Protein backbone atom coordinates (compact mmCIF):
# COMPACT_ATOMS: atom_id res chain seq x y z
CA UNK A 1 -91.51 104.55 44.44
CA UNK A 2 -93.90 101.72 45.27
CA UNK A 3 -91.31 99.15 44.12
CA UNK A 4 -88.72 100.67 46.48
CA UNK A 5 -91.19 100.45 49.39
CA UNK A 6 -91.88 96.78 48.59
CA UNK A 7 -88.17 96.01 48.37
CA UNK A 8 -87.50 97.71 51.71
CA UNK A 9 -90.33 95.70 53.26
CA UNK A 10 -88.88 92.46 51.87
CA UNK A 11 -85.43 93.35 53.18
CA UNK A 12 -86.88 93.90 56.67
CA UNK A 13 -88.68 90.54 56.72
CA UNK A 14 -85.92 88.60 54.95
CA UNK A 15 -83.89 87.77 58.12
CA UNK A 16 -87.03 86.38 59.77
CA UNK A 17 -87.13 83.52 57.26
CA UNK A 18 -83.98 82.14 58.84
CA UNK A 19 -86.03 81.41 61.96
CA UNK A 20 -88.32 79.09 60.01
CA UNK A 21 -86.19 75.88 60.15
CA UNK A 22 -85.65 76.26 63.89
CA UNK A 23 -89.31 77.05 64.57
CA UNK A 24 -90.38 74.08 62.42
CA UNK A 25 -88.03 71.67 64.20
CA UNK A 26 -89.04 73.03 67.63
CA UNK A 27 -92.72 72.61 66.78
CA UNK A 28 -92.33 69.06 65.43
CA UNK A 29 -90.00 67.71 68.09
CA UNK A 30 -91.15 69.63 71.19
CA UNK A 31 -94.48 71.48 70.93
CA UNK A 32 -96.48 68.69 69.26
CA UNK A 33 -95.12 65.85 71.48
CA UNK A 34 -95.64 67.98 74.62
CA UNK A 35 -99.26 68.84 73.76
CA UNK A 36 -99.88 65.20 72.80
CA UNK A 37 -98.42 64.00 76.11
CA UNK A 38 -100.71 66.33 78.06
CA UNK A 39 -103.71 65.00 76.14
CA UNK A 40 -102.86 61.30 76.38
CA UNK A 41 -102.08 61.68 80.09
CA UNK A 42 -105.82 62.29 80.54
CA UNK A 43 -106.85 59.20 78.60
CA UNK A 44 -106.82 55.44 78.98
CA UNK A 45 -105.05 54.60 75.76
CA UNK A 46 -103.55 51.79 73.76
CA UNK A 47 -101.88 51.82 70.38
CA UNK A 48 -105.25 51.53 68.66
CA UNK A 49 -107.67 53.71 70.66
CA UNK A 50 -108.02 56.03 73.63
CA UNK A 51 -110.76 56.97 76.10
CA UNK A 52 -110.79 60.36 77.81
CA UNK A 53 -110.92 59.97 81.62
CA UNK A 54 -109.88 63.43 82.83
CA UNK A 55 -107.49 63.59 85.78
CA UNK A 56 -107.96 59.98 86.92
CA UNK A 57 -104.43 59.03 85.82
CA UNK A 58 -102.94 61.88 87.83
CA UNK A 59 -104.95 60.93 90.93
CA UNK A 60 -103.92 57.27 90.57
CA UNK A 61 -100.27 58.14 90.01
CA UNK A 62 -100.07 60.57 92.92
CA UNK A 63 -101.74 58.03 95.22
CA UNK A 64 -99.26 55.29 94.25
CA UNK A 65 -97.47 54.25 97.49
CA UNK A 66 -94.22 53.88 95.54
CA UNK A 67 -94.29 57.54 94.49
CA UNK A 68 -93.02 58.80 97.85
CA UNK A 69 -90.04 56.42 97.72
CA UNK A 70 -89.32 57.37 94.10
CA UNK A 71 -89.49 61.10 94.85
CA UNK A 72 -87.24 60.82 97.91
CA UNK A 73 -84.67 58.78 95.99
CA UNK A 74 -84.87 61.17 93.02
CA UNK A 75 -83.97 64.17 95.17
CA UNK A 76 -81.22 62.27 97.00
CA UNK A 77 -79.80 61.18 93.66
CA UNK A 78 -79.99 64.65 92.08
CA UNK A 79 -78.52 66.53 95.06
CA UNK A 80 -75.68 64.10 95.69
CA UNK A 81 -74.62 63.64 92.07
CA UNK A 82 -74.67 67.37 91.33
CA UNK A 83 -72.91 68.21 94.61
CA UNK A 84 -70.17 65.60 94.23
CA UNK A 85 -69.51 66.49 90.59
CA UNK A 86 -69.20 70.15 91.52
CA UNK A 87 -66.87 69.52 94.48
CA UNK A 88 -64.64 66.98 92.73
CA UNK A 89 -64.48 68.52 89.26
CA UNK A 90 -62.98 71.86 90.32
CA UNK A 91 -59.78 70.42 91.88
CA UNK A 92 -59.43 68.12 88.87
CA UNK A 93 -59.78 71.06 86.51
CA UNK A 94 -57.18 73.04 88.47
CA UNK A 95 -54.76 70.12 88.25
CA UNK A 96 -55.41 69.59 84.54
CA UNK A 97 -54.79 73.26 83.71
CA UNK A 98 -51.57 73.42 85.72
CA UNK A 99 -48.09 72.62 84.48
CA UNK A 100 -48.11 68.91 85.36
CA UNK A 101 -46.49 66.40 82.98
CA UNK A 102 -48.63 64.12 80.78
CA UNK A 103 -51.47 66.62 81.07
CA UNK A 104 -53.05 65.42 77.81
CA UNK A 105 -53.09 61.82 79.02
CA UNK A 106 -54.75 62.71 82.32
CA UNK A 107 -57.36 64.78 80.51
CA UNK A 108 -58.17 61.79 78.30
CA UNK A 109 -58.49 59.52 81.34
CA UNK A 110 -60.88 61.92 83.11
CA UNK A 111 -63.05 62.45 80.02
CA UNK A 112 -63.05 58.83 78.78
CA UNK A 113 -66.06 57.65 80.89
CA UNK A 114 -68.25 60.31 79.24
CA UNK A 115 -67.72 58.61 75.87
CA UNK A 116 -68.78 55.16 77.07
CA UNK A 117 -72.41 54.07 76.75
CA UNK A 118 -74.33 54.49 80.00
CA UNK A 119 -75.87 51.04 79.66
CA UNK A 120 -72.43 49.51 79.11
CA UNK A 121 -71.13 51.29 82.21
CA UNK A 122 -74.10 50.07 84.24
CA UNK A 123 -73.68 46.44 83.16
CA UNK A 124 -69.91 46.55 83.73
CA UNK A 125 -70.20 47.94 87.25
CA UNK A 126 -73.03 45.57 88.15
CA UNK A 127 -70.52 42.78 87.45
CA UNK A 128 -67.64 44.51 89.22
CA UNK A 129 -69.84 45.10 92.27
CA UNK A 130 -71.02 41.52 92.69
CA UNK A 131 -70.74 40.54 96.37
CA UNK A 132 -68.63 37.39 95.98
CA UNK A 133 -66.83 37.31 92.63
CA UNK A 134 -66.86 41.03 91.81
CA UNK A 135 -63.43 42.55 91.26
CA UNK A 136 -64.07 45.40 93.71
CA UNK A 137 -64.84 43.05 96.60
CA UNK A 138 -62.00 40.72 95.64
CA UNK A 139 -59.57 43.64 95.94
CA UNK A 140 -61.14 44.80 99.22
CA UNK A 141 -60.98 41.27 100.59
CA UNK A 142 -57.29 40.94 99.68
CA UNK A 143 -56.63 44.05 101.81
CA UNK A 144 -58.70 42.75 104.72
CA UNK A 145 -61.41 45.38 104.26
CA UNK A 146 -65.21 44.82 104.46
CA UNK A 147 -66.86 43.50 101.31
CA UNK A 148 -70.35 45.02 101.15
CA UNK A 149 -73.15 43.84 98.88
CA UNK A 150 -73.07 47.04 96.84
CA UNK A 151 -76.23 46.51 94.82
CA UNK A 152 -78.02 43.93 96.97
CA UNK A 153 -78.10 45.88 100.23
CA UNK A 154 -81.14 48.22 100.31
CA UNK A 155 -79.23 50.66 102.53
CA UNK A 156 -76.42 51.34 100.06
CA UNK A 157 -77.71 50.30 96.61
CA UNK A 158 -78.75 53.82 95.59
CA UNK A 159 -75.47 55.31 96.82
CA UNK A 160 -73.50 52.70 94.87
CA UNK A 161 -75.22 53.86 91.67
CA UNK A 162 -74.53 57.49 92.64
CA UNK A 163 -70.80 56.75 92.88
CA UNK A 164 -70.82 55.26 89.38
CA UNK A 165 -72.86 58.18 88.03
CA UNK A 166 -70.32 60.67 89.44
CA UNK A 167 -67.43 58.66 87.93
CA UNK A 168 -69.11 58.67 84.53
CA UNK A 169 -70.24 62.30 84.48
CA UNK A 170 -67.39 64.12 86.17
CA UNK A 171 -65.57 64.52 82.84
CA UNK A 172 -68.15 67.00 81.51
CA UNK A 173 -68.05 69.03 84.73
CA UNK A 174 -64.25 69.07 84.62
CA UNK A 175 -64.21 70.34 81.02
CA UNK A 176 -66.62 73.16 81.94
CA UNK A 177 -64.39 74.18 84.84
CA UNK A 178 -61.27 73.95 82.67
CA UNK A 179 -62.83 76.34 80.17
CA UNK A 180 -63.60 78.76 83.00
CA UNK A 181 -60.09 78.59 84.45
CA UNK A 182 -58.41 79.04 81.06
CA UNK A 183 -60.56 82.14 80.45
CA UNK A 184 -59.23 83.86 83.61
CA UNK A 185 -56.71 86.58 82.61
CA UNK A 186 -53.15 85.75 83.66
CA UNK A 187 -52.85 89.16 85.29
CA UNK A 188 -55.00 87.99 88.19
CA UNK A 189 -52.68 85.08 88.91
CA UNK A 190 -49.61 87.28 88.61
CA UNK A 191 -51.08 89.78 91.07
CA UNK A 192 -51.92 87.08 93.61
CA UNK A 193 -48.40 85.63 93.51
CA UNK A 194 -47.35 88.58 95.61
CA UNK A 195 -50.01 87.74 98.21
CA UNK A 196 -49.22 84.08 98.84
CA UNK A 197 -49.19 80.51 97.55
CA UNK A 198 -51.54 78.22 95.75
CA UNK A 199 -54.32 78.28 98.35
CA UNK A 200 -54.56 82.09 98.16
CA UNK A 201 -54.84 81.96 94.36
CA UNK A 202 -57.39 79.14 94.53
CA UNK A 203 -59.59 80.88 97.10
CA UNK A 204 -59.41 84.47 95.90
CA UNK A 205 -59.02 84.08 92.12
CA UNK A 206 -60.18 80.71 90.84
CA UNK A 207 -63.29 80.12 92.97
CA UNK A 208 -64.82 83.61 92.44
CA UNK A 209 -63.98 83.82 88.73
CA UNK A 210 -65.31 80.36 87.80
CA UNK A 211 -68.62 81.05 89.51
CA UNK A 212 -70.47 80.96 86.19
CA UNK A 213 -68.92 77.57 85.46
CA UNK A 214 -70.06 76.38 88.88
CA UNK A 215 -73.62 77.47 88.14
CA UNK A 216 -73.53 75.63 84.81
CA UNK A 217 -72.22 72.43 86.39
CA UNK A 218 -74.84 72.52 89.15
CA UNK A 219 -77.71 73.12 86.71
CA UNK A 220 -76.70 70.44 84.21
CA UNK A 221 -75.92 67.87 86.89
CA UNK A 222 -79.10 68.57 88.84
CA UNK A 223 -81.31 68.29 85.77
CA UNK A 224 -79.52 65.08 84.77
CA UNK A 225 -80.00 63.68 88.28
CA UNK A 226 -83.73 64.41 88.30
CA UNK A 227 -84.17 62.67 84.94
CA UNK A 228 -81.72 59.81 85.49
CA UNK A 229 -82.98 56.36 84.54
CA UNK A 230 -80.70 54.29 82.29
CA UNK A 231 -77.80 53.82 84.73
CA UNK A 232 -80.10 52.97 87.63
CA UNK A 233 -82.11 50.53 85.55
CA UNK A 234 -79.00 48.83 84.15
CA UNK A 235 -77.43 48.38 87.59
CA UNK A 236 -80.34 47.64 89.95
CA UNK A 237 -83.65 47.79 88.06
CA UNK A 238 -84.89 49.92 90.95
CA UNK A 239 -84.05 47.19 93.46
CA UNK A 240 -83.42 45.49 95.69
CA UNK A 241 -87.16 45.71 96.23
CA UNK A 242 -87.84 49.40 95.69
CA UNK A 243 -84.71 50.71 97.45
CA UNK A 244 -83.21 52.45 94.40
CA UNK A 245 -86.43 53.33 92.59
CA UNK A 246 -86.52 56.90 91.30
CA UNK A 247 -89.41 58.72 89.67
CA UNK A 248 -88.40 57.67 86.16
CA UNK A 249 -88.17 53.97 87.11
CA UNK A 250 -91.62 54.16 88.77
CA UNK A 251 -92.97 55.59 85.51
CA UNK A 252 -91.26 52.87 83.47
CA UNK A 253 -92.69 50.11 85.65
CA UNK A 254 -96.18 51.51 85.06
CA UNK A 255 -95.49 51.44 81.33
CA UNK A 256 -94.24 47.84 81.54
CA UNK A 257 -97.46 46.86 83.29
CA UNK A 258 -99.48 48.26 80.37
CA UNK A 259 -100.77 51.39 82.12
CA UNK A 260 -99.79 53.71 79.28
CA UNK A 261 -102.00 56.62 80.30
CA UNK A 262 -100.76 56.36 83.88
CA UNK A 263 -97.10 56.36 82.81
CA UNK A 264 -97.77 59.33 80.50
CA UNK A 265 -99.27 61.23 83.45
CA UNK A 266 -96.12 60.40 85.41
CA UNK A 267 -93.96 61.85 82.64
CA UNK A 268 -96.02 65.04 82.64
CA UNK A 269 -95.62 65.31 86.42
CA UNK A 270 -91.86 64.82 86.02
CA UNK A 271 -91.77 67.54 83.33
CA UNK A 272 -93.69 69.97 85.57
CA UNK A 273 -91.52 69.12 88.59
CA UNK A 274 -88.26 69.71 86.70
CA UNK A 275 -89.62 72.98 85.28
CA UNK A 276 -90.77 74.24 88.70
CA UNK A 277 -87.40 73.43 90.26
CA UNK A 278 -85.08 74.54 87.47
CA UNK A 279 -86.57 77.87 86.38
CA UNK A 280 -86.23 79.61 89.79
CA UNK A 281 -82.77 78.11 90.19
CA UNK A 282 -81.76 79.35 86.75
CA UNK A 283 -83.13 82.84 87.43
CA UNK A 284 -81.20 82.95 90.70
CA UNK A 285 -77.97 81.90 88.99
CA UNK A 286 -78.50 84.40 86.17
CA UNK A 287 -79.01 87.21 88.67
CA UNK A 288 -75.79 86.20 90.43
CA UNK A 289 -73.96 86.25 87.08
CA UNK A 290 -75.16 89.80 86.46
CA UNK A 291 -73.68 90.86 89.80
CA UNK A 292 -70.27 89.73 88.60
């Protein structure tokens, strides 16, 4: 009788052992680094030693005059990249799930930029966008159009990087929308054929029924925009001056200058900022999904 009780107890706890690898990996790669980052953000540290200084790093980072520029540019970057990807990806997905010829080829073309290294894309476009010899301005000049200094003009440098970011990332957003459109039952489209043409189907079937896909695209793009660094650094280095600096590039410049504790505090602030912004947004989207 006792053996049967022990066996039943083991059977109940047996599935829990499958959580162990995931919990171990989560602890090693997330919990420990996160706790360590919070600690080292309150120290003045080097590779060999550290001195606890409390919240001095946070005070110094938040009083940095470049922080306001970095924060403003971060939000501009995140809002514009997520908005443009959402607006442009849906029509692309509709086209790529329709009956057009060479559909497979067009899908490959749209998704190809996602596969290319971000640094390679940044270097390539920094050459293409050169004011005098860059291919883009050469083409514009041949058509008699203005030839702006895409990356050297403080007024448009950040927006030039945004355009490249949208070009590179729109493939993922399009795939998410395509999955949502394909999942719509054909009966809805058949019913709406009686009501009118393409615009009626797009407005009353596709847009409402890919709402969950829209939420996913917005969330992923917005998080990516808040954390973006590599493309900006490869194309402008935060310049000209500080015109295209975002929060991550401000943090990196502090690290380059040897202020490791200060840059760690900046990373913690970025982590908290993303968490504060994303969790309410995610809860709102989840509640809207439930209403569907």
